[in-house]
Protein backbone atom coordinates (compact mmCIF):
# COMPACT_ATOMS: atom_id res chain seq x y z
CA MET A 1 3.82 -20.83 -7.97
CA LYS A 2 0.29 -22.00 -8.72
CA LYS A 3 -1.00 -20.43 -5.50
CA PHE A 4 0.67 -17.14 -6.52
CA ILE A 5 -0.99 -17.16 -9.88
CA VAL A 6 -4.37 -17.82 -8.37
CA ALA A 7 -3.95 -15.09 -5.81
CA LEU A 8 -2.86 -12.70 -8.55
CA LEU A 9 -5.91 -13.51 -10.67
CA LEU A 10 -8.24 -12.99 -7.68
CA VAL A 11 -6.66 -9.60 -6.95
CA MET A 12 -6.95 -8.55 -10.62
CA LEU A 13 -10.59 -9.68 -10.66
CA SER A 14 -11.47 -7.72 -7.50
CA ILE A 15 -9.71 -4.63 -8.84
CA SER A 16 -11.60 -4.80 -12.13
CA ILE A 17 -14.98 -5.21 -10.41
CA THR A 18 -14.54 -2.50 -7.79
CA PRO A 19 -14.60 0.64 -10.05
CA GLN A 20 -18.01 -0.27 -11.52
CA LEU A 21 -19.47 -0.65 -8.03
CA ALA A 22 -17.94 2.59 -6.81
CA GLN A 23 -19.13 4.68 -9.74
CA GLY A 24 -22.76 4.31 -8.70
CA GLN A 25 -22.16 6.29 -5.54
CA CYS A 26 -20.41 9.30 -7.15
CA ALA A 27 -23.64 10.95 -8.32
CA MET A 28 -25.16 10.61 -4.88
CA CYS A 29 -22.22 12.11 -3.07
CA ARG A 30 -22.03 14.96 -5.48
CA ALA A 31 -25.69 15.72 -5.15
CA THR A 32 -25.42 15.68 -1.36
CA VAL A 33 -22.45 18.00 -1.36
CA GLU A 34 -24.08 20.38 -3.84
CA ASN A 35 -27.27 20.48 -1.79
CA ASN A 36 -25.43 21.18 1.46
CA ILE A 37 -23.30 23.93 -0.17
CA SER A 38 -26.40 25.61 -1.60
CA ASN A 39 -27.89 25.53 1.91
CA GLY A 40 -24.78 27.23 3.30
CA THR A 41 -23.24 24.28 5.17
CA SER A 42 -19.95 22.79 4.03
CA ARG A 43 -19.37 20.22 6.81
CA VAL A 44 -20.37 17.31 4.59
CA GLY A 45 -18.00 18.49 1.87
CA ARG A 46 -15.13 18.74 4.37
CA GLY A 47 -15.98 15.32 5.75
CA LEU A 48 -15.94 13.81 2.24
CA ASN A 49 -12.61 15.44 1.47
CA THR A 50 -11.16 14.14 4.69
CA GLY A 51 -12.40 10.68 3.88
CA ILE A 52 -10.94 10.81 0.41
CA LEU A 53 -7.55 11.93 1.80
CA TYR A 54 -7.65 9.09 4.38
CA LEU A 55 -8.41 6.47 1.72
CA MET A 56 -5.72 7.91 -0.57
CA SER A 57 -3.02 7.83 2.15
CA ILE A 58 -3.45 4.21 3.18
CA PRO A 59 -1.80 2.55 0.08
CA TYR A 60 1.15 4.96 0.42
CA LEU A 61 1.48 4.20 4.13
CA ALA A 62 1.31 0.46 3.44
CA PHE A 63 3.98 0.79 0.68
CA ALA A 64 6.24 2.72 3.06
CA VAL A 65 5.89 0.13 5.84
CA ILE A 66 6.59 -2.74 3.45
CA ALA A 67 9.59 -0.91 1.93
CA TYR A 68 11.00 -0.19 5.40
CA LEU A 69 10.62 -3.81 6.55
CA TRP A 70 12.24 -5.04 3.33
CA TYR A 71 15.13 -2.62 3.85
CA GLN A 72 15.65 -3.78 7.39
CA GLN A 73 15.56 -7.44 6.40
CA SER A 74 18.08 -6.95 3.57
CA LYS A 75 20.27 -4.97 5.92
CA ALA A 76 20.27 -7.80 8.50
CA GLN A 77 21.00 -10.41 5.82
CA ARG A 78 23.90 -8.29 4.52
CA ALA A 79 25.34 -8.01 8.06
CA LYS A 80 24.97 -11.71 8.62
CA LYS A 81 26.82 -12.45 5.35
CA MET A 82 29.61 -10.02 6.25
CA MET A 83 29.97 -11.72 9.65
CA ILE A 84 30.23 -15.17 8.07
CA GLU A 85 32.84 -13.90 5.56
CA GLN A 86 34.84 -12.29 8.33
CA ARG A 87 34.81 -15.60 10.31
CA LEU A 88 35.95 -17.53 7.27
CA ARG A 89 38.76 -15.05 6.70
CA ASN A 90 39.85 -15.33 10.31
CA ALA A 91 39.86 -19.13 9.95
CA GLY A 92 42.19 -18.83 6.95
CA VAL A 93 39.74 -19.76 4.23
CA ARG A 94 40.46 -17.99 1.01
CA PHE A 95 37.83 -17.31 -1.59
CA SER A 96 37.98 -15.44 -4.81
C-alpha cells in the first residue's frame, strides 16, 4: 500500500508540473503557424493538428486496451469459477 501511495504522489507531482512547462511552447507554435499561414503555406498547421490528434488519441487507446484486458481476465475468472461450481455439483456437494 505504501508503494501505491508513493507512486500516486509521483504521478500527481508530474501531472502538476507538466502544464507549466508546456505553456511556454504555445506562443512559439502559434507564432510559427500564423507566420506560415500569412506566407500562404499551411503544411505546418496541418502537421501540428495531426500531432495534437495523435497525442490526444493515445490515452483513449491505452484506456481501451486496459479495459479490454480487464474484461477478458474477468471473463476467464468467471468461467473458471463456473467450472469449479459445476464439478462440485457433479460430486454431490451442496452449497447455498
